[in-house]
N, C-alpha and C. Protein backbone atom coordinates (compact mmCIF):
# COMPACT_ATOMS: atom_id res chain seq x y z
N MET A 1 132.81 -4.66 -64.25
CA MET A 1 133.52 -5.73 -63.30
C MET A 1 134.40 -5.51 -62.20
N ARG A 2 135.24 -4.88 -62.54
CA ARG A 2 136.42 -4.40 -61.61
C ARG A 2 136.00 -4.05 -60.57
N THR A 3 134.63 -3.11 -60.44
CA THR A 3 134.29 -2.35 -59.18
C THR A 3 133.77 -3.40 -59.05
N THR A 4 132.48 -4.42 -58.90
CA THR A 4 132.23 -5.19 -58.77
C THR A 4 132.68 -6.26 -57.87
N ILE A 5 134.09 -6.78 -58.28
CA ILE A 5 134.98 -8.09 -57.90
C ILE A 5 135.37 -7.04 -56.59
N LEU A 6 135.90 -5.41 -57.12
CA LEU A 6 136.51 -5.50 -55.28
C LEU A 6 135.63 -5.36 -54.44
N LEU A 7 134.53 -4.83 -54.57
CA LEU A 7 133.70 -4.74 -54.09
C LEU A 7 133.18 -6.01 -52.81
N LEU A 8 132.94 -6.81 -53.37
CA LEU A 8 132.88 -8.12 -52.73
C LEU A 8 133.98 -8.58 -52.42
N ALA A 9 135.14 -8.26 -52.99
CA ALA A 9 136.34 -8.89 -51.98
C ALA A 9 136.81 -7.89 -50.81
N VAL A 10 136.10 -6.38 -50.54
CA VAL A 10 136.23 -6.14 -48.96
C VAL A 10 135.19 -6.55 -48.40
N LEU A 11 133.50 -6.65 -49.10
CA LEU A 11 132.83 -7.16 -48.22
C LEU A 11 133.02 -8.63 -47.60
N THR A 12 133.69 -9.42 -48.49
CA THR A 12 133.97 -10.68 -47.60
C THR A 12 135.20 -10.89 -46.93
N LEU A 13 136.08 -9.73 -47.06
CA LEU A 13 137.50 -9.75 -46.03
C LEU A 13 136.50 -8.80 -44.88
N GLY A 14 135.20 -8.05 -44.86
CA GLY A 14 134.78 -7.55 -43.70
C GLY A 14 134.32 -8.46 -42.72
N LEU A 15 133.48 -9.62 -43.33
CA LEU A 15 132.70 -10.50 -43.35
C LEU A 15 133.70 -11.32 -42.37
N MET A 16 134.58 -12.02 -42.86
CA MET A 16 135.51 -12.69 -42.34
C MET A 16 136.66 -11.91 -41.08
N ALA A 17 136.13 -10.55 -40.83
CA ALA A 17 137.25 -10.17 -40.11
C ALA A 17 136.16 -9.82 -38.88
N GLY A 18 134.84 -9.75 -38.98
CA GLY A 18 133.70 -9.62 -37.97
C GLY A 18 133.63 -10.98 -37.52
N LEU A 19 133.66 -11.94 -38.37
CA LEU A 19 133.02 -12.94 -37.59
C LEU A 19 134.52 -13.70 -36.78
N PHE A 20 135.62 -13.41 -37.20
CA PHE A 20 137.14 -13.43 -35.91
C PHE A 20 136.90 -12.84 -35.14
N TYR A 21 136.70 -11.71 -35.11
CA TYR A 21 136.25 -10.61 -33.72
C TYR A 21 135.32 -10.88 -32.96
N ALA A 22 134.14 -11.29 -33.43
CA ALA A 22 132.85 -12.14 -32.42
C ALA A 22 133.48 -12.75 -31.73
N TYR A 23 134.31 -14.39 -32.31
CA TYR A 23 135.07 -14.92 -31.27
C TYR A 23 135.43 -14.64 -29.97
N ALA A 24 136.63 -13.54 -30.51
CA ALA A 24 137.36 -12.99 -29.98
C ALA A 24 136.87 -12.03 -29.11
N GLY A 25 136.16 -11.57 -29.30
CA GLY A 25 135.44 -10.66 -28.55
C GLY A 25 134.41 -11.06 -27.60
N SER A 26 133.34 -12.24 -27.68
CA SER A 26 132.07 -12.78 -26.82
C SER A 26 132.13 -14.01 -27.17
N VAL A 27 132.21 -14.64 -27.92
CA VAL A 27 132.05 -15.82 -28.22
C VAL A 27 132.47 -16.80 -26.90
N MET A 28 134.11 -16.18 -27.28
CA MET A 28 135.08 -17.30 -26.36
C MET A 28 135.44 -16.04 -24.80
N PRO A 29 135.17 -15.28 -24.36
CA PRO A 29 135.09 -14.64 -23.29
C PRO A 29 133.70 -15.37 -22.72
N GLY A 30 132.90 -15.78 -23.34
CA GLY A 30 131.26 -15.78 -22.64
C GLY A 30 131.93 -17.84 -22.75
N LEU A 31 132.38 -18.40 -23.16
CA LEU A 31 132.45 -19.75 -23.25
C LEU A 31 133.48 -19.36 -21.94
N ARG A 32 134.36 -19.15 -21.69
CA ARG A 32 135.77 -18.77 -20.67
C ARG A 32 134.35 -19.17 -19.18
N ARG A 33 133.96 -18.24 -19.55
CA ARG A 33 132.76 -17.88 -17.61
C ARG A 33 131.91 -19.81 -17.90
N ALA A 34 131.14 -20.05 -19.03
CA ALA A 34 130.47 -21.00 -18.49
C ALA A 34 131.80 -22.71 -17.86
N GLY A 35 130.76 -23.35 -17.44
CA GLY A 35 131.46 -24.79 -17.34
C GLY A 35 132.07 -25.66 -18.32
N ASP A 36 133.12 -26.11 -17.63
CA ASP A 36 133.67 -26.79 -18.60
C ASP A 36 132.96 -28.10 -19.59
N ARG A 37 132.13 -28.59 -19.31
CA ARG A 37 131.07 -29.68 -20.21
C ARG A 37 130.65 -28.62 -21.00
N SER A 38 129.79 -27.79 -20.62
CA SER A 38 128.92 -27.36 -21.59
C SER A 38 129.65 -26.01 -22.16
N SER A 39 130.88 -25.80 -22.22
CA SER A 39 131.84 -25.44 -23.51
C SER A 39 131.92 -25.79 -24.50
N VAL A 40 132.51 -27.36 -23.55
CA VAL A 40 133.19 -28.27 -25.14
C VAL A 40 131.97 -28.42 -26.09
N GLU A 41 130.59 -28.59 -25.19
CA GLU A 41 129.48 -29.05 -26.09
C GLU A 41 129.15 -28.09 -27.27
N VAL A 42 129.31 -26.66 -26.97
CA VAL A 42 129.13 -25.36 -27.53
C VAL A 42 129.34 -25.11 -28.45
N MET A 43 131.07 -25.86 -28.43
CA MET A 43 132.01 -25.49 -29.37
C MET A 43 132.19 -26.44 -30.47
N GLN A 44 131.76 -27.57 -29.84
CA GLN A 44 131.67 -28.73 -31.19
C GLN A 44 130.50 -28.54 -31.85
N ARG A 45 129.20 -28.11 -31.09
CA ARG A 45 128.15 -27.01 -32.26
C ARG A 45 128.60 -26.31 -32.87
N ILE A 46 129.20 -25.27 -32.21
CA ILE A 46 129.29 -23.90 -33.42
C ILE A 46 130.18 -24.40 -34.51
N ASN A 47 131.33 -25.35 -33.93
CA ASN A 47 132.45 -25.88 -35.00
C ASN A 47 131.06 -26.64 -36.21
N GLU A 48 130.33 -27.48 -35.97
CA GLU A 48 129.61 -28.24 -36.87
C GLU A 48 128.48 -27.32 -37.83
N ALA A 49 127.63 -26.02 -36.91
CA ALA A 49 127.11 -25.55 -37.69
C ALA A 49 127.96 -24.74 -39.00
N ILE A 50 128.74 -23.77 -38.43
CA ILE A 50 129.54 -23.68 -39.74
C ILE A 50 130.05 -23.65 -40.70
N GLN A 51 130.44 -25.11 -41.00
CA GLN A 51 130.08 -25.67 -42.02
C GLN A 51 128.78 -25.75 -42.84
N ASN A 52 129.03 -25.24 -43.32
CA ASN A 52 127.31 -24.77 -44.45
C ASN A 52 127.97 -23.77 -45.57
N PRO A 53 126.87 -23.87 -46.80
CA PRO A 53 127.87 -23.58 -48.21
C PRO A 53 128.01 -22.16 -47.67
N LEU A 54 126.83 -21.43 -46.95
CA LEU A 54 127.20 -19.69 -46.96
C LEU A 54 128.20 -19.07 -46.55
N PHE A 55 128.69 -19.77 -45.37
CA PHE A 55 130.23 -19.96 -44.72
C PHE A 55 131.43 -19.85 -46.07
N GLY A 56 130.69 -21.23 -46.43
CA GLY A 56 132.50 -21.48 -47.61
C GLY A 56 132.61 -20.84 -48.58
N LEU A 57 131.50 -20.02 -48.51
CA LEU A 57 131.27 -19.00 -50.33
C LEU A 57 132.22 -17.59 -49.55
N ILE A 58 131.67 -17.07 -47.96
CA ILE A 58 132.54 -16.28 -47.72
C ILE A 58 134.00 -16.74 -47.42
N PHE A 59 133.79 -17.33 -46.94
CA PHE A 59 134.99 -17.66 -46.29
C PHE A 59 136.61 -18.36 -47.69
N GLY A 60 136.02 -18.94 -48.29
CA GLY A 60 136.70 -18.61 -50.17
C GLY A 60 136.60 -17.88 -50.62
N GLY A 61 135.12 -17.17 -50.60
CA GLY A 61 135.22 -16.30 -51.52
C GLY A 61 135.95 -14.79 -50.92
N ALA A 62 136.58 -14.44 -50.13
CA ALA A 62 137.48 -13.57 -49.78
C ALA A 62 138.74 -13.72 -50.20
N LEU A 63 139.43 -14.75 -50.17
CA LEU A 63 140.84 -15.16 -50.79
C LEU A 63 140.38 -14.86 -52.89
N ILE A 64 139.42 -15.18 -52.88
CA ILE A 64 139.33 -15.38 -54.38
C ILE A 64 138.87 -14.21 -54.98
N PHE A 65 137.91 -13.61 -54.52
CA PHE A 65 137.55 -12.26 -54.76
C PHE A 65 138.70 -11.46 -54.50
N THR A 66 139.76 -11.43 -53.53
CA THR A 66 140.24 -10.55 -53.34
C THR A 66 141.50 -10.85 -54.41
N GLY A 67 141.94 -12.15 -54.64
CA GLY A 67 142.80 -12.76 -55.62
C GLY A 67 142.49 -12.27 -56.90
N ILE A 68 141.05 -12.46 -57.80
CA ILE A 68 140.75 -11.30 -58.21
C ILE A 68 140.67 -10.03 -58.87
N ALA A 69 140.67 -9.38 -58.03
CA ALA A 69 140.34 -8.16 -57.70
C ALA A 69 141.77 -7.26 -57.49
N THR A 70 143.37 -7.91 -57.04
CA THR A 70 144.59 -7.62 -56.85
C THR A 70 145.16 -8.06 -58.60
N PHE A 71 144.62 -8.88 -59.40
CA PHE A 71 144.73 -9.09 -61.05
C PHE A 71 144.26 -7.89 -61.23
N GLN A 72 143.11 -8.00 -61.25
CA GLN A 72 142.40 -6.78 -62.38
C GLN A 72 142.99 -5.71 -61.95
N ASN A 73 143.72 -5.14 -60.79
CA ASN A 73 144.32 -3.82 -60.54
C ASN A 73 145.84 -3.34 -60.89
N ALA A 74 146.39 -4.57 -61.09
CA ALA A 74 147.71 -4.99 -61.55
C ALA A 74 147.57 -3.15 -62.06
N GLY A 75 147.35 -3.03 -62.84
CA GLY A 75 147.72 -1.22 -63.86
C GLY A 75 147.33 -0.12 -62.52
N ASP A 76 147.41 -0.13 -61.50
CA ASP A 76 147.01 0.82 -60.61
C ASP A 76 147.29 0.68 -59.08
N PRO A 77 148.61 0.94 -59.08
CA PRO A 77 149.50 0.87 -58.01
C PRO A 77 148.90 1.13 -56.50
N GLY A 78 147.98 2.20 -56.96
CA GLY A 78 147.50 2.24 -54.64
C GLY A 78 146.52 1.17 -54.57
N VAL A 79 145.40 0.69 -55.63
CA VAL A 79 145.19 -0.27 -55.51
C VAL A 79 145.54 -1.01 -55.12
N PHE A 80 147.04 -1.60 -56.25
CA PHE A 80 146.94 -2.78 -56.41
C PHE A 80 147.96 -3.50 -54.89
N TRP A 81 148.80 -2.23 -54.61
CA TRP A 81 149.51 -2.95 -52.97
C TRP A 81 148.30 -3.37 -52.21
N ALA A 82 147.29 -2.00 -52.24
CA ALA A 82 146.97 -2.18 -51.09
C ALA A 82 145.94 -3.98 -50.99
N LEU A 83 145.58 -3.64 -52.48
CA LEU A 83 144.93 -5.55 -52.18
C LEU A 83 145.63 -6.48 -52.37
N LEU A 84 147.04 -6.58 -52.49
CA LEU A 84 148.06 -6.92 -52.51
C LEU A 84 148.55 -7.48 -51.14
N VAL A 85 148.27 -5.98 -49.97
CA VAL A 85 148.74 -6.73 -48.28
C VAL A 85 147.56 -7.27 -48.38
N ALA A 86 146.21 -6.73 -48.39
CA ALA A 86 144.74 -7.63 -47.65
C ALA A 86 144.48 -8.93 -48.54
N LEU A 87 145.61 -9.24 -49.34
CA LEU A 87 145.15 -10.47 -50.35
C LEU A 87 146.79 -11.87 -49.27
N LEU A 88 147.46 -11.23 -48.84
CA LEU A 88 148.44 -12.03 -48.42
C LEU A 88 148.13 -11.90 -46.36
N LEU A 89 147.61 -10.92 -46.13
CA LEU A 89 146.83 -10.99 -44.90
C LEU A 89 145.79 -12.01 -44.71
N TYR A 90 145.19 -12.20 -45.90
CA TYR A 90 143.77 -12.94 -45.49
C TYR A 90 144.37 -14.65 -45.62
N ALA A 91 145.27 -14.49 -46.06
CA ALA A 91 146.67 -15.64 -47.00
C ALA A 91 147.12 -16.38 -45.12
N ALA A 92 148.19 -15.58 -44.83
CA ALA A 92 147.82 -15.14 -43.62
C ALA A 92 146.85 -16.19 -42.52
N THR A 93 145.77 -15.54 -42.94
CA THR A 93 144.36 -15.86 -41.60
C THR A 93 144.09 -17.53 -41.95
N LEU A 94 144.19 -17.61 -43.61
CA LEU A 94 143.16 -19.28 -43.59
C LEU A 94 144.81 -19.89 -43.02
N GLY A 95 145.48 -19.65 -43.34
CA GLY A 95 147.05 -20.78 -43.02
C GLY A 95 146.90 -21.06 -41.21
N VAL A 96 146.74 -19.67 -40.50
CA VAL A 96 146.73 -19.77 -38.82
C VAL A 96 145.23 -21.04 -38.97
N THR A 97 144.41 -20.80 -39.86
CA THR A 97 143.18 -21.78 -39.31
C THR A 97 143.46 -23.57 -39.89
N ALA A 98 144.12 -23.08 -41.24
CA ALA A 98 144.41 -24.90 -41.43
C ALA A 98 145.24 -25.01 -40.50
N VAL A 99 145.88 -24.75 -40.24
CA VAL A 99 147.13 -25.17 -39.39
C VAL A 99 146.86 -25.19 -38.23
N VAL A 100 146.49 -24.57 -37.71
CA VAL A 100 146.37 -24.47 -36.04
C VAL A 100 144.29 -24.92 -35.73
N ASN A 101 143.29 -24.06 -35.95
CA ASN A 101 142.31 -23.57 -35.51
C ASN A 101 140.99 -24.85 -36.08
N ILE A 102 141.40 -25.17 -37.13
CA ILE A 102 140.54 -26.30 -37.96
C ILE A 102 141.04 -27.95 -37.17
N PRO A 103 142.56 -28.23 -37.05
CA PRO A 103 143.07 -29.13 -36.42
C PRO A 103 142.29 -29.25 -34.77
N LEU A 104 142.11 -27.98 -34.44
CA LEU A 104 141.71 -27.97 -32.71
C LEU A 104 140.29 -28.43 -32.88
N ASN A 105 139.18 -27.71 -34.00
CA ASN A 105 138.38 -28.18 -33.32
C ASN A 105 137.91 -29.56 -33.66
N ASN A 106 138.74 -30.31 -35.20
CA ASN A 106 138.65 -31.55 -35.23
C ASN A 106 138.93 -32.99 -33.71
N ARG A 107 140.15 -32.04 -32.83
CA ARG A 107 140.41 -32.85 -31.75
C ARG A 107 139.47 -32.29 -30.26
N LEU A 108 138.60 -31.60 -30.95
CA LEU A 108 137.44 -31.40 -29.56
C LEU A 108 136.18 -31.97 -30.10
N ALA A 109 136.18 -32.22 -31.65
CA ALA A 109 135.33 -33.44 -31.56
C ALA A 109 135.42 -34.55 -31.88
N ARG A 110 136.69 -34.99 -31.55
CA ARG A 110 136.77 -36.52 -31.64
C ARG A 110 137.10 -36.53 -29.95
N ALA A 111 136.67 -35.81 -29.23
CA ALA A 111 136.86 -35.91 -27.89
C ALA A 111 135.46 -36.94 -27.17
N GLY A 112 134.41 -36.26 -28.12
CA GLY A 112 133.51 -37.32 -28.01
C GLY A 112 131.87 -36.43 -27.14
N GLU A 113 131.01 -37.18 -26.98
CA GLU A 113 129.64 -36.39 -26.47
C GLU A 113 130.55 -35.83 -25.16
N PRO A 114 129.80 -34.76 -25.14
CA PRO A 114 130.55 -34.03 -23.52
C PRO A 114 129.54 -35.15 -22.42
N ASP A 115 128.62 -35.25 -22.39
CA ASP A 115 128.05 -36.08 -21.14
C ASP A 115 128.91 -37.54 -21.12
N ALA A 116 129.55 -38.01 -22.16
CA ALA A 116 130.10 -39.17 -21.57
C ALA A 116 131.65 -38.84 -21.33
N LEU A 117 132.10 -37.29 -21.42
CA LEU A 117 133.55 -36.86 -20.96
C LEU A 117 134.00 -37.28 -19.47
N GLU A 118 134.85 -38.24 -19.41
CA GLU A 118 135.23 -38.28 -18.11
C GLU A 118 136.09 -37.43 -17.51
N ASP A 119 136.06 -36.24 -18.11
CA ASP A 119 137.30 -35.26 -17.93
C ASP A 119 137.51 -34.02 -18.72
N PRO A 120 136.06 -33.02 -18.33
CA PRO A 120 136.19 -31.99 -19.77
C PRO A 120 136.44 -31.04 -19.45
N ALA A 121 137.22 -30.98 -17.88
CA ALA A 121 138.46 -30.29 -17.85
C ALA A 121 139.43 -29.66 -18.42
N ALA A 122 140.01 -30.77 -18.75
CA ALA A 122 141.15 -31.72 -19.47
C ALA A 122 140.92 -31.09 -20.74
N VAL A 123 139.44 -32.00 -21.40
CA VAL A 123 139.31 -31.77 -22.61
C VAL A 123 139.87 -29.97 -23.01
N TRP A 124 138.86 -29.42 -22.44
CA TRP A 124 138.42 -28.50 -22.70
C TRP A 124 140.00 -27.05 -22.61
N ALA A 125 140.80 -27.30 -21.30
CA ALA A 125 142.06 -27.37 -21.10
C ALA A 125 142.94 -27.66 -22.07
N ALA A 126 142.68 -28.18 -22.92
CA ALA A 126 144.08 -28.92 -24.15
C ALA A 126 143.25 -28.11 -25.17
N PHE A 127 141.76 -27.45 -25.34
CA PHE A 127 141.19 -26.47 -27.02
C PHE A 127 141.65 -25.11 -26.11
N PHE A 128 141.14 -24.47 -25.16
CA PHE A 128 141.02 -23.18 -25.24
C PHE A 128 142.23 -22.23 -25.18
N PRO A 129 143.06 -22.45 -24.31
CA PRO A 129 143.78 -21.80 -24.65
C PRO A 129 145.08 -21.39 -25.88
N ALA A 130 145.06 -22.42 -26.24
CA ALA A 130 145.74 -22.43 -27.92
C ALA A 130 144.79 -22.05 -28.82
N TRP A 131 143.26 -22.40 -28.87
CA TRP A 131 142.72 -21.39 -29.83
C TRP A 131 142.43 -20.35 -29.97
N VAL A 132 142.49 -19.74 -28.71
CA VAL A 132 142.24 -18.27 -28.09
C VAL A 132 143.29 -17.77 -28.82
N ARG A 133 144.30 -18.44 -28.09
CA ARG A 133 145.64 -17.46 -28.66
C ARG A 133 145.82 -16.99 -30.18
N TRP A 134 145.25 -18.35 -31.29
CA TRP A 134 145.42 -18.30 -32.46
C TRP A 134 144.76 -17.67 -32.87
N ASN A 135 143.42 -17.62 -32.28
CA ASN A 135 142.32 -16.93 -33.20
C ASN A 135 142.79 -15.28 -33.15
N VAL A 136 143.47 -14.41 -31.86
CA VAL A 136 143.70 -13.53 -32.22
C VAL A 136 144.79 -12.91 -33.12
N LEU A 137 145.90 -13.70 -33.44
CA LEU A 137 146.44 -14.21 -34.23
C LEU A 137 145.12 -13.46 -36.06
N ARG A 138 144.57 -14.35 -36.05
CA ARG A 138 143.66 -14.60 -36.84
C ARG A 138 142.62 -12.99 -37.22
N THR A 139 142.58 -12.77 -36.22
CA THR A 139 141.37 -11.71 -36.38
C THR A 139 142.58 -10.33 -36.49
N LEU A 140 143.56 -10.27 -36.06
CA LEU A 140 144.46 -9.27 -36.46
C LEU A 140 144.89 -9.11 -38.01
N THR A 141 145.05 -10.53 -38.22
CA THR A 141 145.48 -10.53 -39.86
C THR A 141 144.38 -10.30 -40.27
N SER A 142 142.97 -11.19 -40.25
CA SER A 142 141.52 -10.76 -41.20
C SER A 142 141.06 -9.00 -41.10
N VAL A 143 141.50 -8.29 -39.80
CA VAL A 143 141.00 -6.81 -39.58
C VAL A 143 141.96 -6.12 -40.50
N GLY A 144 143.56 -6.60 -40.50
CA GLY A 144 144.28 -6.08 -41.17
C GLY A 144 144.21 -5.51 -42.85
N ALA A 145 143.50 -7.78 -43.35
CA ALA A 145 143.35 -7.52 -44.81
C ALA A 145 142.30 -6.11 -45.03
N PHE A 146 141.43 -6.67 -44.28
CA PHE A 146 139.69 -5.66 -44.36
C PHE A 146 140.61 -4.62 -44.26
N ALA A 147 140.87 -3.72 -43.66
CA ALA A 147 141.74 -2.85 -43.68
C ALA A 147 142.62 -2.21 -45.22
N ALA A 148 143.28 -3.25 -45.07
CA ALA A 148 143.70 -3.09 -46.35
C ALA A 148 143.26 -3.04 -47.99
N GLY A 149 141.95 -3.95 -48.21
CA GLY A 149 140.69 -4.08 -48.52
C GLY A 149 140.35 -2.67 -48.98
N CYS A 150 139.92 -2.00 -47.82
CA CYS A 150 138.84 -0.46 -47.77
C CYS A 150 139.65 0.55 -48.09
N TRP A 151 141.35 0.43 -47.78
CA TRP A 151 142.56 1.33 -48.14
C TRP A 151 141.86 1.63 -50.06
N ALA A 152 142.43 -0.07 -50.83
CA ALA A 152 141.65 -0.40 -51.26
C ALA A 152 140.66 0.62 -52.73
N LEU A 153 139.57 0.12 -51.97
CA LEU A 153 138.45 1.40 -52.45
C LEU A 153 138.50 2.03 -52.15
N LEU A 154 138.97 3.19 -51.09
CA LEU A 154 139.29 4.34 -51.40
C LEU A 154 139.99 4.85 -52.38
N GLU A 155 141.62 4.03 -52.48
CA GLU A 155 142.51 3.98 -53.88
C GLU A 155 141.52 4.20 -54.77
N TYR A 156 141.00 3.18 -55.06
CA TYR A 156 140.31 3.15 -56.55
C TYR A 156 139.01 4.25 -56.41
């Protein structure tokens, strides 16, 4: 069971790191090149679509599996410390998401339907720079968490 939980921890950490990197490396640069109204609409739709059970399982599962794996490997210092680093970095990722990115997403949703916006450029300008800046931070923390999880797997 220890092996399965450790593998699930590393897998879910990797999936989350990949998701945040995909935003940083392709989604947001692509939206930067699109028109403001289109960018608002696409980001609103992405934020709606991502709220699904599979995403929730992976998003929360990374924390839960890593926490359980950390506890299960308390007697193996090499594995334990690597997992503790992974857990703390992923917790930081969730913190940034909860405190910054989700509130920005919610504000963007409350702006209304893109076709009805009087000034889509202002809406996008209030959203984009902050969201991107904080997404870069959570990309770094989640990639660090995944790397630490991989290190724990090697130690195991």
